[in-house]
Amino acid sequence: MAKKTCLPIVLFSFILFQCINARAQQIPAADLEAIQNEITNLYSKKMETVLAKDQAKANKMKADLQDVEKQPDNEGRKRALENFSNAHKAHYKKTMDEAGINMQDILAKLKNRFPGYDFSVANDFGIAVSSKNQNIGNGFLQQPPKQKDWAYQSFNKSGGPQIDLDTYSTTNEIKSLTSIQELTFTPNKTVNCGLASGGNVIISNRYIQATSTGVIAGGCSSFGNLSSSTIIPNGQSITGRVAVSLEVNCWALGIGGFSLASGSSSISVYCPETRQSLGSGGKSAAVYAPFLWYASLYDAGNLSFSPSLNGLQGKTFVVNVGAMSSATSIYCCGTNSFATANITTARIEY
């Protein structure tokens, strides 16, 4: 009996590990909290003290940020933030100089304290953080993109991956196949919010949208997952085809104190019986807004891969796709995050 139960336990453990790995693109909550505390001590608390010296100006900045929060859509919010920046940027920079704060010094200290993450300035005085381990795993097709407007942030970085979603699939190629087996996915979602915070997960058989809003000292996290497990059929030439579009959008308004928004979307593909990873990747980001300022970040990308499944006949082809968002606001409102994962291709060709 021991020999019969050993393999299922091993398979379950590996599947559980991969499900957790689908969430791994999300920056761990403990790290976000530690980074948040560091930013608060190095930056936000000092700004709060110095900005309070001109209470009339501070009240005006707070009111303008609250007006941003009331905007019904992203376009309205973008215009309101541009107006806010034009009206208050010079004063904020002057206050930073008075407080003895230099953004580059702050970034250097954060990079030294947290070497596993990249830090950058967001919207002049906010801070963005992303994990350094967002590289594409094995099995992905890497070709120059066809889109002229390939404007996704992390894929524009020098040396970053350039991935063409459509390179591998043409009409003639599909016609020559003996058979196509489309993958089916099982959805799962969780929402965990405190106080007046809110979250939601919209999920279908190939799409996830996770949103979170943090208000009045409340935090919220939302997670959606799509999982597919398929027995690999017999055949002489067997290929898995998987493609996904990932998107993360974070907004943070420091209306009454610091605020944080983070999001991630990710994919992992593997064979549990052989403990073989067939590809993984994701998008993950977080933004911190200091007292009476804001921070936003948008990041997206298309990932595709076509691992050979020859030699794995009768074993399992597993695809896990996840999207997670979280938002925390210490004193007030206007902090939210949005993450999506859209599976555009998922099949076995043989």
Protein backbone atom coordinates (compact mmCIF):
# COMPACT_ATOMS: atom_id res chain seq x y z
CA MET A 1 0.00 0.00 0.00
CA ALA A 2 2.87 2.40 0.76
CA LYS A 3 4.13 2.18 -2.83
CA LYS A 4 0.63 2.85 -4.19
CA THR A 5 0.10 6.00 -2.09
CA CYS A 6 3.58 7.46 -2.47
CA LEU A 7 3.20 8.70 -6.05
CA PRO A 8 -0.12 10.53 -5.49
CA ILE A 9 1.39 12.29 -2.48
CA VAL A 10 4.42 13.34 -4.52
CA LEU A 11 2.20 14.52 -7.38
CA PHE A 12 -0.06 16.44 -5.01
CA SER A 13 2.94 18.11 -3.37
CA PHE A 14 4.36 19.14 -6.73
CA ILE A 15 1.00 20.46 -7.97
CA LEU A 16 0.57 22.41 -4.73
CA PHE A 17 4.05 23.86 -5.15
CA GLN A 18 3.25 24.95 -8.70
CA CYS A 19 -0.07 26.51 -7.64
CA ILE A 20 1.80 28.48 -5.01
CA ASN A 21 4.44 29.34 -7.61
CA ALA A 22 1.70 30.86 -9.76
CA ARG A 23 1.25 33.35 -6.93
CA ALA A 24 4.99 33.76 -6.42
CA GLN A 25 5.22 36.60 -8.91
CA GLN A 26 3.31 38.62 -6.32
CA ILE A 27 5.73 40.34 -3.93
CA PRO A 28 5.30 38.63 -0.53
CA ALA A 29 3.22 40.60 1.97
CA ALA A 30 6.01 40.47 4.58
CA ASP A 31 8.43 42.09 2.12
CA LEU A 32 5.90 44.75 1.15
CA GLU A 33 5.37 45.58 4.82
CA ALA A 34 9.10 45.79 5.49
CA ILE A 35 9.61 48.05 2.45
CA GLN A 36 6.63 50.14 3.51
CA ASN A 37 8.08 50.65 7.00
CA GLU A 38 11.43 51.66 5.53
CA ILE A 39 9.84 54.20 3.18
CA THR A 40 7.71 55.58 6.02
CA ASN A 41 10.74 56.11 8.26
CA LEU A 42 13.07 57.44 5.56
CA TYR A 43 10.59 59.61 3.78
CA SER A 44 6.87 59.85 4.49
CA LYS A 45 7.01 60.76 8.19
CA LYS A 46 9.54 63.51 7.53
CA MET A 47 7.40 64.95 4.75
CA GLU A 48 4.31 64.89 6.94
CA THR A 49 6.11 66.92 9.61
CA VAL A 50 7.46 69.57 7.24
CA LEU A 51 4.31 69.86 5.10
CA ALA A 52 2.30 70.56 8.26
CA LYS A 53 4.15 73.87 8.65
CA ASP A 54 1.98 75.31 5.87
CA GLN A 55 -1.35 73.87 6.90
CA ALA A 56 -3.36 75.87 4.37
CA LYS A 57 -1.32 74.45 1.50
CA ALA A 58 -1.50 70.94 2.99
CA ASN A 59 -5.29 71.19 3.22
CA LYS A 60 -5.47 72.30 -0.43
CA MET A 61 -3.31 69.36 -1.53
CA LYS A 62 -5.49 66.96 0.45
CA ALA A 63 -8.66 68.37 -1.10
CA ASP A 64 -7.21 68.07 -4.62
CA LEU A 65 -6.21 64.45 -4.02
CA GLN A 66 -9.70 63.72 -2.74
CA ASP A 67 -11.03 65.20 -5.98
CA VAL A 68 -8.85 62.73 -7.90
CA GLU A 69 -10.35 59.87 -5.91
CA LYS A 70 -13.88 60.99 -6.87
CA GLN A 71 -13.24 60.73 -10.62
CA PRO A 72 -15.43 58.03 -12.22
CA ASP A 73 -12.87 56.66 -14.68
CA ASN A 74 -9.14 56.41 -15.37
CA GLU A 75 -9.15 59.21 -17.92
CA GLY A 76 -10.72 61.62 -15.45
CA ARG A 77 -8.30 60.50 -12.77
CA LYS A 78 -5.35 60.98 -15.10
CA ARG A 79 -6.40 64.56 -15.92
CA ALA A 80 -6.99 65.35 -12.25
CA LEU A 81 -3.55 64.00 -11.31
CA GLU A 82 -1.91 66.07 -14.03
CA ASN A 83 -3.62 69.16 -12.63
CA PHE A 84 -2.55 68.19 -9.12
CA SER A 85 1.06 67.75 -10.19
CA ASN A 86 1.14 71.07 -12.04
CA ALA A 87 -0.29 72.87 -9.01
CA HIS A 88 1.79 71.27 -6.25
CA LYS A 89 4.99 69.75 -7.68
CA ALA A 90 7.18 72.79 -7.00
CA HIS A 91 5.94 73.07 -3.41
CA TYR A 92 6.48 69.37 -2.77
CA LYS A 93 10.04 69.53 -4.11
CA LYS A 94 10.76 72.59 -1.98
CA THR A 95 9.41 70.78 1.07
CA MET A 96 11.59 67.75 0.29
CA ASP A 97 14.68 69.96 0.16
CA GLU A 98 13.70 71.53 3.47
CA ALA A 99 13.30 68.07 4.99
CA GLY A 100 16.72 67.02 3.66
CA ILE A 101 15.26 64.27 1.47
CA ASN A 102 16.81 63.17 -1.84
CA MET A 103 14.94 60.61 -3.92
CA GLN A 104 18.08 59.00 -5.31
CA ASP A 105 19.44 58.55 -1.78
CA ILE A 106 16.14 56.91 -0.77
CA LEU A 107 16.31 54.52 -3.74
CA ALA A 108 19.94 53.64 -2.99
CA LYS A 109 19.11 52.80 0.64
CA LEU A 110 16.13 50.68 -0.42
CA LYS A 111 18.19 48.76 -3.00
CA ASN A 112 20.87 48.12 -0.38
CA ARG A 113 18.32 46.93 2.21
CA PHE A 114 16.26 44.87 -0.25
CA PRO A 115 18.65 43.57 -2.96
CA GLY A 116 16.05 41.23 -4.47
CA TYR A 117 13.96 44.11 -5.77
CA ASP A 118 14.20 46.97 -8.23
CA PHE A 119 13.16 50.44 -7.04
CA SER A 120 12.37 53.47 -9.16
CA VAL A 121 10.69 56.86 -8.92
CA ALA A 122 6.99 56.92 -9.85
CA ASN A 123 5.26 60.21 -10.66
CA ASP A 124 8.14 62.37 -9.40
CA PHE A 125 7.87 61.54 -5.68
CA GLY A 126 6.24 58.11 -5.43
CA ILE A 127 8.20 54.85 -5.35
CA ALA A 128 7.68 51.76 -7.50
CA VAL A 129 9.05 48.34 -6.62
CA SER A 130 9.22 45.16 -8.67
CA SER A 131 10.77 41.74 -8.19
CA LYS A 132 13.99 41.00 -10.06
CA ASN A 133 12.88 37.41 -10.78
CA GLN A 134 10.22 38.17 -13.39
CA ASN A 135 12.26 36.62 -16.20
CA ILE A 136 10.64 34.25 -18.66
CA GLY A 137 11.16 30.55 -17.96
CA ASN A 138 12.15 27.85 -20.42
CA GLY A 139 9.98 27.04 -23.40
CA PHE A 140 8.85 30.54 -24.39
CA LEU A 141 9.12 31.66 -27.99
CA GLN A 142 11.21 34.81 -28.07
CA GLN A 143 10.83 36.78 -31.29
CA PRO A 144 10.80 40.51 -32.10
CA PRO A 145 7.28 41.88 -31.59
CA LYS A 146 5.19 42.78 -34.62
CA GLN A 147 3.39 45.65 -32.90
CA LYS A 148 4.79 49.09 -33.69
CA ASP A 149 3.38 50.39 -30.43
CA TRP A 150 5.00 47.76 -28.18
CA ALA A 151 4.92 50.05 -25.17
CA TYR A 152 4.76 47.68 -22.25
CA GLN A 153 7.12 48.96 -19.63
CA SER A 154 9.31 46.05 -18.61
CA PHE A 155 9.56 44.68 -22.15
CA ASN A 156 11.00 48.00 -23.31
CA LYS A 157 13.97 47.66 -20.99
CA SER A 158 17.31 47.05 -22.66
CA GLY A 159 17.89 43.33 -23.03
CA GLY A 160 14.34 42.51 -21.99
CA PRO A 161 12.36 39.72 -23.65
CA GLN A 162 10.55 40.45 -26.89
CA ILE A 163 7.81 37.91 -27.36
CA ASP A 164 5.53 37.48 -30.35
CA LEU A 165 2.22 35.89 -29.48
CA ASP A 166 1.40 34.79 -33.04
CA THR A 167 4.71 33.56 -34.45
CA TYR A 168 4.09 29.89 -33.82
CA SER A 169 0.58 29.58 -35.24
CA THR A 170 -0.47 29.98 -38.88
CA THR A 171 -3.51 28.75 -40.81
CA ASN A 172 -1.46 26.32 -42.90
CA GLU A 173 0.21 24.92 -39.81
CA ILE A 174 -3.13 24.25 -38.10
CA LYS A 175 -4.54 22.58 -41.23
CA SER A 176 -1.64 20.12 -41.29
CA LEU A 177 -2.27 18.87 -37.76
CA THR A 178 -3.86 15.49 -37.18
CA SER A 179 -5.75 16.68 -34.10
CA ILE A 180 -6.15 19.61 -31.72
CA GLN A 181 -7.21 19.13 -28.11
CA GLU A 182 -8.33 22.34 -26.42
CA LEU A 183 -7.55 22.62 -22.70
CA THR A 184 -10.29 23.15 -20.11
CA PHE A 185 -9.69 25.18 -16.94
CA THR A 186 -11.07 25.01 -13.41
CA PRO A 187 -11.58 28.42 -11.74
CA ASN A 188 -10.89 29.34 -8.14
CA LYS A 189 -11.03 32.71 -6.38
CA THR A 190 -10.58 34.25 -2.93
CA VAL A 191 -11.20 37.78 -1.61
CA ASN A 192 -9.99 38.95 1.79
CA CYS A 193 -10.82 42.53 2.80
CA GLY A 194 -10.95 44.44 6.06
CA LEU A 195 -13.11 47.31 7.29
CA ALA A 196 -14.48 49.37 4.39
CA SER A 197 -12.05 47.97 1.83
CA GLY A 198 -13.40 46.09 -1.16
CA GLY A 199 -12.30 43.47 -3.63
CA ASN A 200 -13.68 41.44 -6.49
CA VAL A 201 -12.64 38.65 -8.85
CA ILE A 202 -14.28 38.17 -12.24
CA ILE A 203 -13.35 34.78 -13.63
CA SER A 204 -14.42 32.64 -16.57
CA ASN A 205 -12.95 29.60 -18.30
CA ARG A 206 -10.01 31.58 -19.75
CA TYR A 207 -10.04 35.01 -18.12
CA ILE A 208 -9.29 36.47 -14.67
CA GLN A 209 -9.73 40.02 -13.42
CA ALA A 210 -8.80 40.75 -9.80
CA THR A 211 -9.41 44.18 -8.24
CA SER A 212 -8.81 45.56 -4.74
CA THR A 213 -9.49 48.88 -3.01
CA GLY A 214 -8.05 49.93 0.35
CA VAL A 215 -9.78 52.64 2.39
CA ILE A 216 -9.82 53.99 5.96
CA ALA A 217 -7.07 51.92 7.50
CA GLY A 218 -8.27 48.85 5.66
CA GLY A 219 -6.45 46.49 3.38
CA CYS A 220 -7.75 44.12 0.72
CA SER A 221 -6.38 41.30 -1.42
CA SER A 222 -8.09 39.43 -4.25
CA PHE A 223 -6.83 36.33 -6.05
CA GLY A 224 -8.09 34.31 -9.00
CA ASN A 225 -6.62 31.12 -10.45
CA LEU A 226 -7.30 29.00 -13.52
CA SER A 227 -5.87 25.49 -13.53
CA SER A 228 -5.85 22.87 -16.28
CA SER A 229 -4.67 19.26 -16.03
CA THR A 230 -4.73 17.20 -19.23
CA ILE A 231 -3.45 13.69 -20.01
CA ILE A 232 -1.01 13.98 -22.90
CA PRO A 233 -2.31 11.88 -25.82
CA ASN A 234 -0.35 9.42 -27.94
CA GLY A 235 1.23 10.66 -31.12
CA GLN A 236 4.51 10.97 -32.98
CA SER A 237 4.78 14.75 -32.75
CA ILE A 238 3.06 16.34 -29.77
CA THR A 239 3.28 20.03 -28.86
CA GLY A 240 1.65 22.16 -26.19
CA ARG A 241 0.53 25.63 -27.28
CA VAL A 242 -0.13 28.18 -24.55
CA ALA A 243 -0.36 31.96 -24.79
CA VAL A 244 -1.53 34.50 -22.24
CA SER A 245 -1.91 38.26 -22.00
CA LEU A 246 -1.01 39.69 -18.57
CA GLU A 247 -1.76 43.15 -17.19
CA VAL A 248 -1.18 45.02 -13.91
CA ASN A 249 -2.41 48.51 -13.01
CA CYS A 250 -1.85 50.15 -9.60
CA TRP A 251 -2.96 53.50 -8.15
CA ALA A 252 -2.03 54.87 -4.74
CA LEU A 253 -3.07 58.22 -3.23
CA GLY A 254 -1.40 59.39 -0.01
CA ILE A 255 -4.39 61.47 1.11
CA GLY A 256 -4.00 61.04 4.85
CA GLY A 257 -0.74 59.08 5.06
CA PHE A 258 1.14 56.52 3.02
CA SER A 259 -0.74 54.14 0.74
CA LEU A 260 0.28 51.01 -1.17
CA ALA A 261 -1.12 49.24 -4.22
CA SER A 262 0.30 46.05 -5.72
CA GLY A 263 -0.68 43.51 -8.33
CA SER A 264 0.58 40.51 -10.23
CA SER A 265 -0.43 38.12 -12.96
CA SER A 266 1.50 34.97 -13.80
CA ILE A 267 1.57 31.62 -15.56
CA SER A 268 3.35 28.31 -14.98
CA VAL A 269 3.32 25.18 -17.16
CA TYR A 270 4.73 21.81 -16.08
CA CYS A 271 4.53 18.02 -16.00
CA PRO A 272 4.05 16.85 -12.38
CA GLU A 273 5.06 13.20 -12.96
CA THR A 274 8.53 14.21 -14.18
CA ARG A 275 8.70 17.35 -12.00
CA GLN A 276 9.55 19.17 -15.22
CA SER A 277 8.89 22.89 -15.66
CA LEU A 278 7.84 23.68 -19.23
CA GLY A 279 7.74 27.46 -18.82
CA SER A 280 6.78 30.25 -16.43
CA GLY A 281 6.60 34.02 -16.28
CA GLY A 282 4.62 36.94 -14.99
CA LYS A 283 4.17 40.63 -14.32
CA SER A 284 4.37 42.06 -10.82
CA ALA A 285 4.59 45.58 -9.42
CA ALA A 286 3.83 47.71 -6.39
CA VAL A 287 3.68 51.46 -5.81
CA TYR A 288 4.00 53.47 -2.61
CA ALA A 289 2.54 56.97 -2.31
CA PRO A 290 4.01 59.16 0.45
CA PHE A 291 1.98 61.65 2.47
CA LEU A 292 0.05 64.05 0.19
CA TRP A 293 1.36 62.64 -3.06
CA TYR A 294 0.45 59.83 -5.45
CA ALA A 295 2.01 56.94 -7.36
CA SER A 296 0.77 54.85 -10.27
CA LEU A 297 2.16 52.09 -12.45
CA TYR A 298 0.90 50.17 -15.47
CA ASP A 299 2.66 47.10 -16.85
CA ALA A 300 1.56 44.44 -19.35
CA GLY A 301 2.87 41.84 -21.73
CA ASN A 302 2.02 38.87 -23.94
CA LEU A 303 3.71 35.54 -23.19
CA SER A 304 3.62 32.45 -25.40
CA PHE A 305 5.41 29.11 -25.52
CA SER A 306 5.18 25.76 -27.29
CA PRO A 307 6.99 22.99 -25.39
CA SER A 308 7.50 19.62 -27.07
CA LEU A 309 5.56 16.91 -25.24
CA ASN A 310 7.21 13.99 -27.05
CA GLY A 311 8.17 11.31 -24.56
CA LEU A 312 5.51 12.49 -22.08
CA GLN A 313 2.57 10.52 -23.57
CA GLY A 314 0.19 9.36 -20.85
CA LYS A 315 1.53 11.90 -18.36
CA THR A 316 -0.11 15.19 -17.31
CA PHE A 317 0.19 18.61 -18.94
CA VAL A 318 -0.65 21.24 -16.31
CA VAL A 319 -1.21 24.96 -16.84
CA ASN A 320 -1.75 27.36 -13.92
CA VAL A 321 -2.64 31.01 -14.48
CA GLY A 322 -3.19 33.48 -11.65
CA ALA A 323 -4.00 37.15 -11.03
CA MET A 324 -3.71 38.91 -7.68
CA SER A 325 -4.30 42.46 -6.51
CA SER A 326 -3.93 44.13 -3.12
CA ALA A 327 -4.38 47.62 -1.73
CA THR A 328 -3.72 49.24 1.65
CA SER A 329 -4.48 52.77 2.77
CA ILE A 330 -3.68 53.81 6.31
CA TYR A 331 -5.97 56.80 6.76
CA CYS A 332 -8.14 57.28 3.74
CA CYS A 333 -9.16 56.42 0.27
CA GLY A 334 -8.15 56.29 -3.38
CA THR A 335 -5.85 53.29 -3.40
CA ASN A 336 -6.61 50.39 -5.71
CA SER A 337 -5.00 47.77 -7.92
CA PHE A 338 -6.10 45.79 -10.92
CA ALA A 339 -4.63 42.61 -12.44
CA THR A 340 -5.78 40.50 -15.37
CA ALA A 341 -4.76 37.30 -17.09
CA ASN A 342 -6.33 36.42 -20.44
CA ILE A 343 -5.57 32.99 -21.90
CA THR A 344 -5.61 33.42 -25.67
CA THR A 345 -4.34 29.96 -26.63
CA ALA A 346 -4.38 26.69 -24.69
CA ARG A 347 -4.25 23.39 -26.57
CA ILE A 348 -2.30 20.27 -27.37
CA GLU A 349 -1.47 19.59 -31.02
CA TYR A 350 -0.62 16.08 -32.21
